Amino acid sequence: MRRRWLGLAAVTTVLFGTLTAPGVVPGAEAEPDQQAKLRKLTQEAARLQKEYRGQILSLEDAKRAAQKASVNVKKLRADLLRAQRQVVAFAQSSYMTGGVDATRLFSMSADPSSLAMMTYLGTARAERLNSIKDLIAKQKKAARAADAEIDKLQAHIKELQSRRREVERLMAKFGFQTPDAGTGLTQRMISVRNAILRNFPMPFGYGCLRGGDPGEHGKGRACDFMMSSGGRMPDAVAKARGDALAQWCIDHAGEYGIMYIIWQQRYYDMRTRAGWRMMSDRGGVTANHYDHVHVSVL
């Protein structure tokens, strides 16, 4: 019985060989640190957006990318563990049915890539080993990608923190306002809305207060000015109107206390002074702001 157990252990060792030990995922030790760092940065990002008095889209995109990369690492890690268990089960099954002779096993090369071992293990076993090799490579690549995205998030937080004094002066200039009981909008948003309506025709309408919205719409500090209807892309005339409206907001931001605008999957944040920046894909014409100009105020 002891000989049979030693033979099974040898099978398991050879099946994993130089790949990895059963149940051990490359980089698994570092993953908790990666997750802890991401949690800490997410908390810092939330505090920073509170200090900046509203959503910072560049920070949201950086956080979203880091979280997506981290989820991919977790998925590949789970896939690898599952594949490892299947290989161990396969080895146990083969051994128990008499398919492996431990004395023959030790006389062969321990390298699964050798011809003798590949012939011995058979095509099915080789496929399992190759699958694990592929998963290990993918998991390592995903972990490196997640580290890179987390580093980008950390760098962007530091960049925004370096502008804290300038943003504080901006906040002091435009004091905090609460929505009025009638419209649910702040007086600043009402002033911006009225100025825009005086300067631009709105054949497709506009919308401001959105109950339950966790962002600026729910706080009465944002309006969407439609350039088309039904989630369609605007025609050339309407797009030119949207371009002009967006530029008007940029030109008059210091006068009215405009915080940021979104138009055509780009955003312009007056607090960061980074100019136009691309927004990550939200998945549709309306979600990507191709059919309306979003305007938020401080």
C-alpha atoms as a PDB file:
ATOM      1  CA  MET A   1       0.000   0.000   0.000  1.00  0.00           C
ATOM      2  CA  ARG A   2       2.877   2.357   0.828  1.00  0.00           C
ATOM      3  CA  ARG A   3       4.410   1.601  -2.574  1.00  0.00           C
ATOM      4  CA  ARG A   4       1.132   2.453  -4.299  1.00  0.00           C
ATOM      5  CA  TRP A   5       0.947   5.775  -2.389  1.00  0.00           C
ATOM      6  CA  LEU A   6       4.531   6.659  -3.318  1.00  0.00           C
ATOM      7  CA  GLY A   7       3.723   5.837  -6.924  1.00  0.00           C
ATOM      8  CA  LEU A   8       0.717   8.158  -6.863  1.00  0.00           C
ATOM      9  CA  ALA A   9       2.799  10.945  -5.354  1.00  0.00           C
ATOM     10  CA  ALA A  10       5.348  10.456  -8.123  1.00  0.00           C
ATOM     11  CA  VAL A  11       2.594  10.676 -10.743  1.00  0.00           C
ATOM     12  CA  THR A  12       1.384  13.943  -9.265  1.00  0.00           C
ATOM     13  CA  THR A  13       4.899  15.329  -9.153  1.00  0.00           C
ATOM     14  CA  VAL A  14       5.568  14.428 -12.774  1.00  0.00           C
ATOM     15  CA  LEU A  15       2.220  15.693 -13.979  1.00  0.00           C
ATOM     16  CA  PHE A  16       2.987  19.114 -12.511  1.00  0.00           C
ATOM     17  CA  GLY A  17       6.777  18.844 -12.836  1.00  0.00           C
ATOM     18  CA  THR A  18       8.386  22.207 -13.385  1.00  0.00           C
ATOM     19  CA  LEU A  19       4.984  23.826 -13.914  1.00  0.00           C
ATOM     20  CA  THR A  20       3.859  24.292 -10.327  1.00  0.00           C
ATOM     21  CA  ALA A  21       3.067  22.317  -7.201  1.00  0.00           C
ATOM     22  CA  PRO A  22      -0.538  21.108  -6.832  1.00  0.00           C
ATOM     23  CA  GLY A  23      -2.780  23.762  -5.357  1.00  0.00           C
ATOM     24  CA  VAL A  24      -0.166  26.512  -5.673  1.00  0.00           C
ATOM     25  CA  VAL A  25      -0.857  29.292  -8.146  1.00  0.00           C
ATOM     26  CA  PRO A  26       2.074  31.374  -9.406  1.00  0.00           C
ATOM     27  CA  GLY A  27       1.841  34.838  -7.945  1.00  0.00           C
ATOM     28  CA  ALA A  28      -0.885  33.814  -5.487  1.00  0.00           C
ATOM     29  CA  GLU A  29       1.186  35.040  -2.573  1.00  0.00           C
ATOM     30  CA  ALA A  30       1.322  38.527  -4.060  1.00  0.00           C
ATOM     31  CA  GLU A  31      -2.371  38.705  -4.939  1.00  0.00           C
ATOM     32  CA  PRO A  32      -3.629  39.611  -1.416  1.00  0.00           C
ATOM     33  CA  ASP A  33      -1.186  42.546  -1.393  1.00  0.00           C
ATOM     34  CA  GLN A  34      -2.480  43.610  -4.794  1.00  0.00           C
ATOM     35  CA  GLN A  35      -6.075  43.458  -3.601  1.00  0.00           C
ATOM     36  CA  ALA A  36      -5.259  45.368  -0.408  1.00  0.00           C
ATOM     37  CA  LYS A  37      -3.538  48.100  -2.414  1.00  0.00           C
ATOM     38  CA  LEU A  38      -6.521  48.380  -4.765  1.00  0.00           C
ATOM     39  CA  ARG A  39      -8.951  48.628  -1.825  1.00  0.00           C
ATOM     40  CA  LYS A  40      -6.848  51.373  -0.239  1.00  0.00           C
ATOM     41  CA  LEU A  41      -6.643  53.326  -3.501  1.00  0.00           C
ATOM     42  CA  THR A  42     -10.390  52.970  -4.050  1.00  0.00           C
ATOM     43  CA  GLN A  43     -10.989  54.500  -0.619  1.00  0.00           C
ATOM     44  CA  GLU A  44      -8.558  57.322  -1.381  1.00  0.00           C
ATOM     45  CA  ALA A  45     -10.308  57.939  -4.699  1.00  0.00           C
ATOM     46  CA  ALA A  46     -13.668  58.226  -2.923  1.00  0.00           C
ATOM     47  CA  ARG A  47     -12.256  60.747  -0.440  1.00  0.00           C
ATOM     48  CA  LEU A  48     -10.644  62.727  -3.225  1.00  0.00           C
ATOM     49  CA  GLN A  49     -13.874  62.967  -5.230  1.00  0.00           C
ATOM     50  CA  LYS A  50     -15.616  64.196  -2.106  1.00  0.00           C
ATOM     51  CA  GLU A  51     -12.963  66.895  -1.704  1.00  0.00           C
ATOM     52  CA  TYR A  52     -13.325  67.819  -5.368  1.00  0.00           C
ATOM     53  CA  ARG A  53     -17.076  68.136  -4.782  1.00  0.00           C
ATOM     54  CA  GLY A  54     -18.118  65.642  -7.417  1.00  0.00           C
ATOM     55  CA  GLN A  55     -17.232  62.830  -9.763  1.00  0.00           C
ATOM     56  CA  ILE A  56     -13.813  62.913 -11.424  1.00  0.00           C
ATOM     57  CA  LEU A  57     -14.232  60.930 -14.634  1.00  0.00           C
ATOM     58  CA  SER A  58     -10.519  60.396 -15.218  1.00  0.00           C
ATOM     59  CA  LEU A  59     -10.271  58.904 -11.731  1.00  0.00           C
ATOM     60  CA  GLU A  60     -13.371  56.775 -12.282  1.00  0.00           C
ATOM     61  CA  ASP A  61     -11.924  55.414 -15.521  1.00  0.00           C
ATOM     62  CA  ALA A  62      -8.588  54.629 -13.866  1.00  0.00           C
ATOM     63  CA  LYS A  63     -10.361  52.877 -10.987  1.00  0.00           C
ATOM     64  CA  ARG A  64     -12.602  50.945 -13.381  1.00  0.00           C
ATOM     65  CA  ALA A  65      -9.596  49.730 -15.398  1.00  0.00           C
ATOM     66  CA  ALA A  66      -7.752  48.607 -12.247  1.00  0.00           C
ATOM     67  CA  GLN A  67     -10.791  46.756 -10.907  1.00  0.00           C
ATOM     68  CA  LYS A  68     -11.423  45.047 -14.265  1.00  0.00           C
ATOM     69  CA  ALA A  69      -7.801  43.873 -14.441  1.00  0.00           C
ATOM     70  CA  SER A  70      -8.005  42.606 -10.855  1.00  0.00           C
ATOM     71  CA  VAL A  71     -11.177  40.626 -11.583  1.00  0.00           C
ATOM     72  CA  ASN A  72      -9.407  39.014 -14.541  1.00  0.00           C
ATOM     73  CA  VAL A  73      -6.580  37.883 -12.246  1.00  0.00           C
ATOM     74  CA  LYS A  74      -9.092  36.286  -9.857  1.00  0.00           C
ATOM     75  CA  LYS A  75     -10.868  34.483 -12.689  1.00  0.00           C
ATOM     76  CA  LEU A  76      -7.665  33.056 -14.146  1.00  0.00           C
ATOM     77  CA  ARG A  77      -6.511  32.004 -10.697  1.00  0.00           C
ATOM     78  CA  ALA A  78      -9.761  30.095 -10.184  1.00  0.00           C
ATOM     79  CA  ASP A  79      -9.447  28.517 -13.654  1.00  0.00           C
ATOM     80  CA  LEU A  80      -5.897  27.404 -12.873  1.00  0.00           C
ATOM     81  CA  LEU A  81      -6.843  25.845  -9.537  1.00  0.00           C
ATOM     82  CA  ARG A  82      -9.685  23.997 -11.253  1.00  0.00           C
ATOM     83  CA  ALA A  83      -7.360  22.690 -13.961  1.00  0.00           C
ATOM     84  CA  GLN A  84      -4.830  21.546 -11.372  1.00  0.00           C
ATOM     85  CA  ARG A  85      -7.474  19.593  -9.486  1.00  0.00           C
ATOM     86  CA  GLN A  86      -8.558  17.920 -12.737  1.00  0.00           C
ATOM     87  CA  VAL A  87      -4.981  16.843 -13.466  1.00  0.00           C
ATOM     88  CA  VAL A  88      -4.563  15.396  -9.969  1.00  0.00           C
ATOM     89  CA  ALA A  89      -7.879  13.541 -10.343  1.00  0.00           C
ATOM     90  CA  PHE A  90      -6.753  12.238 -13.725  1.00  0.00           C
ATOM     91  CA  ALA A  91      -3.471  11.017 -12.238  1.00  0.00           C
ATOM     92  CA  GLN A  92      -5.269   9.294  -9.383  1.00  0.00           C
ATOM     93  CA  SER A  93      -7.699   7.622 -11.753  1.00  0.00           C
ATOM     94  CA  SER A  94      -4.920   6.430 -14.065  1.00  0.00           C
ATOM     95  CA  TYR A  95      -2.893   5.062 -11.181  1.00  0.00           C
ATOM     96  CA  MET A  96      -5.766   3.277  -9.467  1.00  0.00           C
ATOM     97  CA  THR A  97      -6.673   1.511 -12.731  1.00  0.00           C
ATOM     98  CA  GLY A  98      -3.124   0.252 -13.074  1.00  0.00           C
ATOM     99  CA  GLY A  99      -2.027   2.672 -15.769  1.00  0.00           C
ATOM    100  CA  VAL A 100       1.191   3.713 -14.013  1.00  0.00           C
ATOM    101  CA  ASP A 101       4.111   1.695 -12.787  1.00  0.00           C
ATOM    102  CA  ALA A 102       6.172   3.719 -10.324  1.00  0.00           C
ATOM    103  CA  THR A 103       9.379   1.827 -11.198  1.00  0.00           C
ATOM    104  CA  ARG A 104       8.896   2.670 -14.895  1.00  0.00           C
ATOM    105  CA  LEU A 105       7.997   6.233 -13.989  1.00  0.00           C
ATOM    106  CA  PHE A 106      11.285   6.889 -12.191  1.00  0.00           C
ATOM    107  CA  SER A 107      13.270   5.450 -15.096  1.00  0.00           C
ATOM    108  CA  MET A 108      11.829   8.098 -17.426  1.00  0.00           C
ATOM    109  CA  SER A 109      12.722  11.722 -17.833  1.00  0.00           C
ATOM    110  CA  ALA A 110      11.006  14.032 -15.323  1.00  0.00           C
ATOM    111  CA  ASP A 111      10.481  16.558 -18.094  1.00  0.00           C
ATOM    112  CA  PRO A 112       6.860  16.315 -19.366  1.00  0.00           C
ATOM    113  CA  SER A 113       8.005  17.727 -22.703  1.00  0.00           C
ATOM    114  CA  SER A 114      10.263  14.756 -23.427  1.00  0.00           C
ATOM    115  CA  LEU A 115       9.077  12.328 -26.082  1.00  0.00           C
ATOM    116  CA  ALA A 116       9.102   9.338 -23.745  1.00  0.00           C
ATOM    117  CA  MET A 117       6.989  11.112 -21.124  1.00  0.00           C
ATOM    118  CA  MET A 118       4.561  12.576 -23.672  1.00  0.00           C
ATOM    119  CA  THR A 119       4.107   9.084 -25.148  1.00  0.00           C
ATOM    120  CA  TYR A 120       3.615   7.583 -21.715  1.00  0.00           C
ATOM    121  CA  LEU A 121       1.154  10.155 -20.497  1.00  0.00           C
ATOM    122  CA  GLY A 122      -0.737  10.062 -23.747  1.00  0.00           C
ATOM    123  CA  THR A 123      -2.465  12.780 -25.683  1.00  0.00           C
ATOM    124  CA  ALA A 124      -5.120  13.473 -23.052  1.00  0.00           C
ATOM    125  CA  ARG A 125      -2.548  13.967 -20.328  1.00  0.00           C
ATOM    126  CA  ALA A 126      -0.372  16.164 -22.534  1.00  0.00           C
ATOM    127  CA  GLU A 127      -3.388  18.349 -23.321  1.00  0.00           C
ATOM    128  CA  ARG A 128      -4.045  18.820 -19.626  1.00  0.00           C
ATOM    129  CA  LEU A 129      -0.440  19.817 -18.991  1.00  0.00           C
ATOM    130  CA  ASN A 130      -0.434  22.244 -21.906  1.00  0.00           C
ATOM    131  CA  SER A 131      -3.673  23.732 -20.621  1.00  0.00           C
ATOM    132  CA  ILE A 132      -2.062  24.359 -17.250  1.00  0.00           C
ATOM    133  CA  LYS A 133       1.031  25.878 -18.871  1.00  0.00           C
ATOM    134  CA  ASP A 134      -1.217  28.217 -20.846  1.00  0.00           C
ATOM    135  CA  LEU A 135      -3.206  29.197 -17.751  1.00  0.00           C
ATOM    136  CA  ILE A 136      -0.030  29.885 -15.786  1.00  0.00           C
ATOM    137  CA  ALA A 137       1.238  32.169 -18.550  1.00  0.00           C
ATOM    138  CA  LYS A 138      -2.098  33.969 -18.762  1.00  0.00           C
ATOM    139  CA  GLN A 139      -2.326  34.364 -14.985  1.00  0.00           C
ATOM    140  CA  LYS A 140       1.153  35.858 -14.789  1.00  0.00           C
ATOM    141  CA  LYS A 141       0.408  38.220 -17.674  1.00  0.00           C
ATOM    142  CA  ALA A 142      -2.897  39.258 -16.083  1.00  0.00           C
ATOM    143  CA  ALA A 143      -1.183  39.895 -12.736  1.00  0.00           C
ATOM    144  CA  ARG A 144       1.378  42.154 -14.426  1.00  0.00           C
ATOM    145  CA  ALA A 145      -1.411  44.007 -16.240  1.00  0.00           C
ATOM    146  CA  ALA A 146      -3.337  44.467 -12.981  1.00  0.00           C
ATOM    147  CA  ASP A 147      -0.221  45.809 -11.255  1.00  0.00           C
ATOM    148  CA  ALA A 148       0.236  48.303 -14.101  1.00  0.00           C
ATOM    149  CA  GLU A 149      -3.368  49.540 -13.888  1.00  0.00           C
ATOM    150  CA  ILE A 150      -3.177  49.851 -10.111  1.00  0.00           C
ATOM    151  CA  ASP A 151       0.051  51.835 -10.464  1.00  0.00           C
ATOM    152  CA  LYS A 152      -1.686  54.145 -12.955  1.00  0.00           C
ATOM    153  CA  LEU A 153      -4.533  54.681 -10.502  1.00  0.00           C
ATOM    154  CA  GLN A 154      -2.061  55.480  -7.726  1.00  0.00           C
ATOM    155  CA  ALA A 155      -0.180  57.937  -9.954  1.00  0.00           C
ATOM    156  CA  HIS A 156      -3.389  59.696 -10.966  1.00  0.00           C
ATOM    157  CA  ILE A 157      -4.489  60.044  -7.344  1.00  0.00           C
ATOM    158  CA  LYS A 158      -1.127  61.620  -6.510  1.00  0.00           C
ATOM    159  CA  GLU A 159      -1.479  63.966  -9.482  1.00  0.00           C
ATOM    160  CA  LEU A 160      -4.918  65.099  -8.330  1.00  0.00           C
ATOM    161  CA  GLN A 161      -3.769  65.445  -4.732  1.00  0.00           C
ATOM    162  CA  SER A 162      -1.004  67.788  -5.892  1.00  0.00           C
ATOM    163  CA  ARG A 163      -3.708  70.157  -7.164  1.00  0.00           C
ATOM    164  CA  ARG A 164      -5.597  70.169  -3.868  1.00  0.00           C
ATOM    165  CA  ARG A 165      -4.816  73.788  -2.962  1.00  0.00           C
ATOM    166  CA  GLU A 166      -5.863  75.068  -6.345  1.00  0.00           C
ATOM    167  CA  VAL A 167      -9.100  73.104  -6.138  1.00  0.00           C
ATOM    168  CA  GLU A 168      -9.722  74.384  -2.614  1.00  0.00           C
ATOM    169  CA  ARG A 169      -9.462  77.958  -3.922  1.00  0.00           C
ATOM    170  CA  LEU A 170     -11.954  77.074  -6.642  1.00  0.00           C
ATOM    171  CA  MET A 171     -14.324  75.581  -4.065  1.00  0.00           C
ATOM    172  CA  ALA A 172     -14.021  78.702  -1.927  1.00  0.00           C
ATOM    173  CA  LYS A 173     -14.824  80.924  -4.896  1.00  0.00           C
ATOM    174  CA  PHE A 174     -17.962  78.909  -5.682  1.00  0.00           C
ATOM    175  CA  GLY A 175     -19.464  78.068  -2.323  1.00  0.00           C
ATOM    176  CA  PHE A 176     -21.434  74.900  -1.755  1.00  0.00           C
ATOM    177  CA  GLN A 177     -25.119  75.104  -2.737  1.00  0.00           C
ATOM    178  CA  THR A 178     -28.043  72.877  -1.882  1.00  0.00           C
ATOM    179  CA  PRO A 179     -30.960  72.268  -4.273  1.00  0.00           C
ATOM    180  CA  ASP A 180     -34.047  74.435  -3.871  1.00  0.00           C
ATOM    181  CA  ALA A 181     -37.316  72.835  -2.877  1.00  0.00           C
ATOM    182  CA  GLY A 182     -39.122  73.774  -6.084  1.00  0.00           C
ATOM    183  CA  THR A 183     -36.927  72.534  -8.937  1.00  0.00           C
ATOM    184  CA  GLY A 184     -34.591  70.237  -7.048  1.00  0.00           C
ATOM    185  CA  LEU A 185     -31.691  72.074  -8.713  1.00  0.00           C
ATOM    186  CA  THR A 186     -29.066  74.316  -7.206  1.00  0.00           C
ATOM    187  CA  GLN A 187     -29.271  77.991  -8.084  1.00  0.00           C
ATOM    188  CA  ARG A 188     -25.986  77.657  -9.929  1.00  0.00           C
ATOM    189  CA  MET A 189     -27.363  74.903 -12.141  1.00  0.00           C
ATOM    190  CA  ILE A 190     -30.502  76.933 -12.798  1.00  0.00           C
ATOM    191  CA  SER A 191     -28.374  79.903 -13.889  1.00  0.00           C
ATOM    192  CA  VAL A 192     -26.280  77.745 -16.233  1.00  0.00           C
ATOM    193  CA  ARG A 193     -29.358  76.025 -17.643  1.00  0.00           C
ATOM    194  CA  ASN A 194     -31.104  79.332 -18.337  1.00  0.00           C
ATOM    195  CA  ALA A 195     -28.003  80.836 -19.957  1.00  0.00           C
ATOM    196  CA  ILE A 196     -27.639  77.825 -22.250  1.00  0.00           C
ATOM    197  CA  LEU A 197     -31.312  77.945 -23.245  1.00  0.00           C
ATOM    198  CA  ARG A 198     -30.961  81.633 -24.109  1.00  0.00           C
ATOM    199  CA  ASN A 199     -28.015  80.924 -26.388  1.00  0.00           C
ATOM    200  CA  PHE A 200     -28.896  77.592 -27.983  1.00  0.00           C
ATOM    201  CA  PRO A 201     -32.107  76.184 -29.456  1.00  0.00           C
ATOM    202  CA  MET A 202     -33.164  72.865 -27.909  1.00  0.00           C
ATOM    203  CA  PRO A 203     -35.351  71.050 -30.467  1.00  0.00           C
ATOM    204  CA  PHE A 204     -34.776  67.738 -28.678  1.00  0.00           C
ATOM    205  CA  GLY A 205     -35.242  69.039 -25.133  1.00  0.00           C
ATOM    206  CA  TYR A 206     -33.151  68.642 -22.013  1.00  0.00           C
ATOM    207  CA  GLY A 207     -33.264  66.928 -18.622  1.00  0.00           C
ATOM    208  CA  CYS A 208     -31.771  67.813 -15.259  1.00  0.00           C
ATOM    209  CA  LEU A 209     -32.939  66.318 -11.971  1.00  0.00           C
ATOM    210  CA  ARG A 210     -32.875  62.526 -11.839  1.00  0.00           C
ATOM    211  CA  GLY A 211     -34.141  61.065  -8.593  1.00  0.00           C
ATOM    212  CA  GLY A 212     -32.014  58.276  -7.146  1.00  0.00           C
ATOM    213  CA  ASP A 213     -29.019  59.081  -9.337  1.00  0.00           C
ATOM    214  CA  PRO A 214     -25.818  58.811  -7.236  1.00  0.00           C
ATOM    215  CA  GLY A 215     -24.043  61.416  -9.362  1.00  0.00           C
ATOM    216  CA  GLU A 216     -24.575  65.089 -10.117  1.00  0.00           C
ATOM    217  CA  HIS A 217     -28.068  64.575 -11.580  1.00  0.00           C
ATOM    218  CA  GLY A 218     -29.296  63.289  -8.238  1.00  0.00           C
ATOM    219  CA  LYS A 219     -27.773  66.274  -6.440  1.00  0.00           C
ATOM    220  CA  GLY A 220     -29.434  68.825  -8.715  1.00  0.00           C
ATOM    221  CA  ARG A 221     -26.093  69.865 -10.169  1.00  0.00           C
ATOM    222  CA  ALA A 222     -26.280  68.534 -13.731  1.00  0.00           C
ATOM    223  CA  CYS A 223     -28.326  68.822 -16.914  1.00  0.00           C
ATOM    224  CA  ASP A 224     -28.280  66.893 -20.190  1.00  0.00           C
ATOM    225  CA  PHE A 225     -28.904  68.930 -23.330  1.00  0.00           C
ATOM    226  CA  MET A 226     -30.116  66.612 -26.071  1.00  0.00           C
ATOM    227  CA  MET A 227     -28.750  66.819 -29.623  1.00  0.00           C
ATOM    228  CA  SER A 228     -30.901  63.975 -30.965  1.00  0.00           C
ATOM    229  CA  SER A 229     -33.681  61.678 -29.769  1.00  0.00           C
ATOM    230  CA  GLY A 230     -34.163  57.978 -29.275  1.00  0.00           C
ATOM    231  CA  GLY A 231     -30.503  57.234 -28.689  1.00  0.00           C
ATOM    232  CA  ARG A 232     -29.560  58.149 -32.257  1.00  0.00           C
ATOM    233  CA  MET A 233     -26.359  59.819 -33.357  1.00  0.00           C
ATOM    234  CA  PRO A 234     -26.917  63.545 -34.052  1.00  0.00           C
ATOM    235  CA  ASP A 235     -26.785  64.819 -37.610  1.00  0.00           C
ATOM    236  CA  ALA A 236     -24.138  67.300 -38.737  1.00  0.00           C
ATOM    237  CA  VAL A 237     -26.174  70.368 -37.740  1.00  0.00           C
ATOM    238  CA  ALA A 238     -26.970  69.012 -34.282  1.00  0.00           C
ATOM    239  CA  LYS A 239     -23.382  67.893 -33.709  1.00  0.00           C
ATOM    240  CA  ALA A 240     -22.150  71.393 -34.592  1.00  0.00           C
ATOM    241  CA  ARG A 241     -24.640  72.777 -32.063  1.00  0.00           C
ATOM    242  CA  GLY A 242     -23.344  70.386 -29.421  1.00  0.00           C
ATOM    243  CA  ASP A 243     -19.751  71.370 -30.209  1.00  0.00           C
ATOM    244  CA  ALA A 244     -20.654  75.045 -29.843  1.00  0.00           C
ATOM    245  CA  LEU A 245     -22.507  74.432 -26.577  1.00  0.00           C
ATOM    246  CA  ALA A 246     -19.559  72.499 -25.140  1.00  0.00           C
ATOM    247  CA  GLN A 247     -17.153  75.274 -26.095  1.00  0.00           C
ATOM    248  CA  TRP A 248     -19.474  77.897 -24.581  1.00  0.00           C
ATOM    249  CA  CYS A 249     -19.330  75.957 -21.289  1.00  0.00           C
ATOM    250  CA  ILE A 250     -15.534  75.901 -21.388  1.00  0.00           C
ATOM    251  CA  ASP A 251     -15.354  79.614 -22.157  1.00  0.00           C
ATOM    252  CA  HIS A 252     -17.820  80.558 -19.386  1.00  0.00           C
ATOM    253  CA  ALA A 253     -16.833  78.003 -16.738  1.00  0.00           C
ATOM    254  CA  GLY A 254     -15.139  80.596 -14.535  1.00  0.00           C
ATOM    255  CA  GLU A 255     -18.170  82.864 -14.716  1.00  0.00           C
ATOM    256  CA  TYR A 256     -20.838  80.294 -13.895  1.00  0.00           C
ATOM    257  CA  GLY A 257     -18.943  77.709 -11.820  1.00  0.00           C
ATOM    258  CA  ILE A 258     -19.173  74.890 -14.355  1.00  0.00           C
ATOM    259  CA  MET A 259     -17.364  71.815 -13.046  1.00  0.00           C
ATOM    260  CA  TYR A 260     -17.119  69.483 -16.061  1.00  0.00           C
ATOM    261  CA  ILE A 261     -18.826  68.645 -19.340  1.00  0.00           C
ATOM    262  CA  ILE A 262     -19.155  65.397 -21.296  1.00  0.00           C
ATOM    263  CA  TRP A 263     -19.765  65.262 -25.050  1.00  0.00           C
ATOM    264  CA  GLN A 264     -19.036  62.654 -27.732  1.00  0.00           C
ATOM    265  CA  GLN A 265     -17.310  60.234 -25.333  1.00  0.00           C
ATOM    266  CA  ARG A 266     -14.945  62.962 -24.157  1.00  0.00           C
ATOM    267  CA  TYR A 267     -14.904  65.003 -20.981  1.00  0.00           C
ATOM    268  CA  TYR A 268     -13.478  68.353 -19.988  1.00  0.00           C
ATOM    269  CA  ASP A 269     -12.895  68.859 -16.267  1.00  0.00           C
ATOM    270  CA  MET A 270     -12.348  72.475 -15.148  1.00  0.00           C
ATOM    271  CA  ARG A 271     -10.787  71.293 -11.857  1.00  0.00           C
ATOM    272  CA  THR A 272      -7.975  69.254 -13.399  1.00  0.00           C
ATOM    273  CA  ARG A 273      -7.312  71.575 -16.362  1.00  0.00           C
ATOM    274  CA  ALA A 274      -6.297  68.575 -18.417  1.00  0.00           C
ATOM    275  CA  GLY A 275      -8.291  69.624 -21.491  1.00  0.00           C
ATOM    276  CA  TRP A 276     -10.405  67.194 -23.471  1.00  0.00           C
ATOM    277  CA  ARG A 277      -9.841  63.555 -22.539  1.00  0.00           C
ATOM    278  CA  MET A 278     -11.392  60.390 -23.910  1.00  0.00           C
ATOM    279  CA  MET A 279     -13.863  58.585 -21.677  1.00  0.00           C
ATOM    280  CA  SER A 280     -13.867  54.792 -21.459  1.00  0.00           C
ATOM    281  CA  ASP A 281     -16.560  53.063 -23.466  1.00  0.00           C
ATOM    282  CA  ARG A 282     -19.834  52.879 -21.540  1.00  0.00           C
ATOM    283  CA  GLY A 283     -21.499  50.714 -24.177  1.00  0.00           C
ATOM    284  CA  GLY A 284     -23.901  52.853 -26.200  1.00  0.00           C
ATOM    285  CA  VAL A 285     -24.730  56.131 -27.936  1.00  0.00           C
ATOM    286  CA  THR A 286     -26.431  57.685 -24.914  1.00  0.00           C
ATOM    287  CA  ALA A 287     -24.103  56.177 -22.302  1.00  0.00           C
ATOM    288  CA  ASN A 288     -21.137  57.553 -24.228  1.00  0.00           C
ATOM    289  CA  HIS A 289     -22.801  60.981 -24.527  1.00  0.00           C
ATOM    290  CA  TYR A 290     -22.907  61.077 -28.300  1.00  0.00           C
ATOM    291  CA  ASP A 291     -26.507  62.320 -28.314  1.00  0.00           C
ATOM    292  CA  HIS A 292     -26.339  64.907 -25.528  1.00  0.00           C
ATOM    293  CA  VAL A 293     -24.042  67.356 -23.779  1.00  0.00           C
ATOM    294  CA  HIS A 294     -23.776  66.747 -20.041  1.00  0.00           C
ATOM    295  CA  VAL A 295     -23.047  69.825 -17.928  1.00  0.00           C
ATOM    296  CA  SER A 296     -22.234  69.650 -14.204  1.00  0.00           C
ATOM    297  CA  VAL A 297     -21.658  72.577 -11.850  1.00  0.00           C
ATOM    298  CA  LEU A 298     -19.729  72.976  -8.601  1.00  0.00           C
END
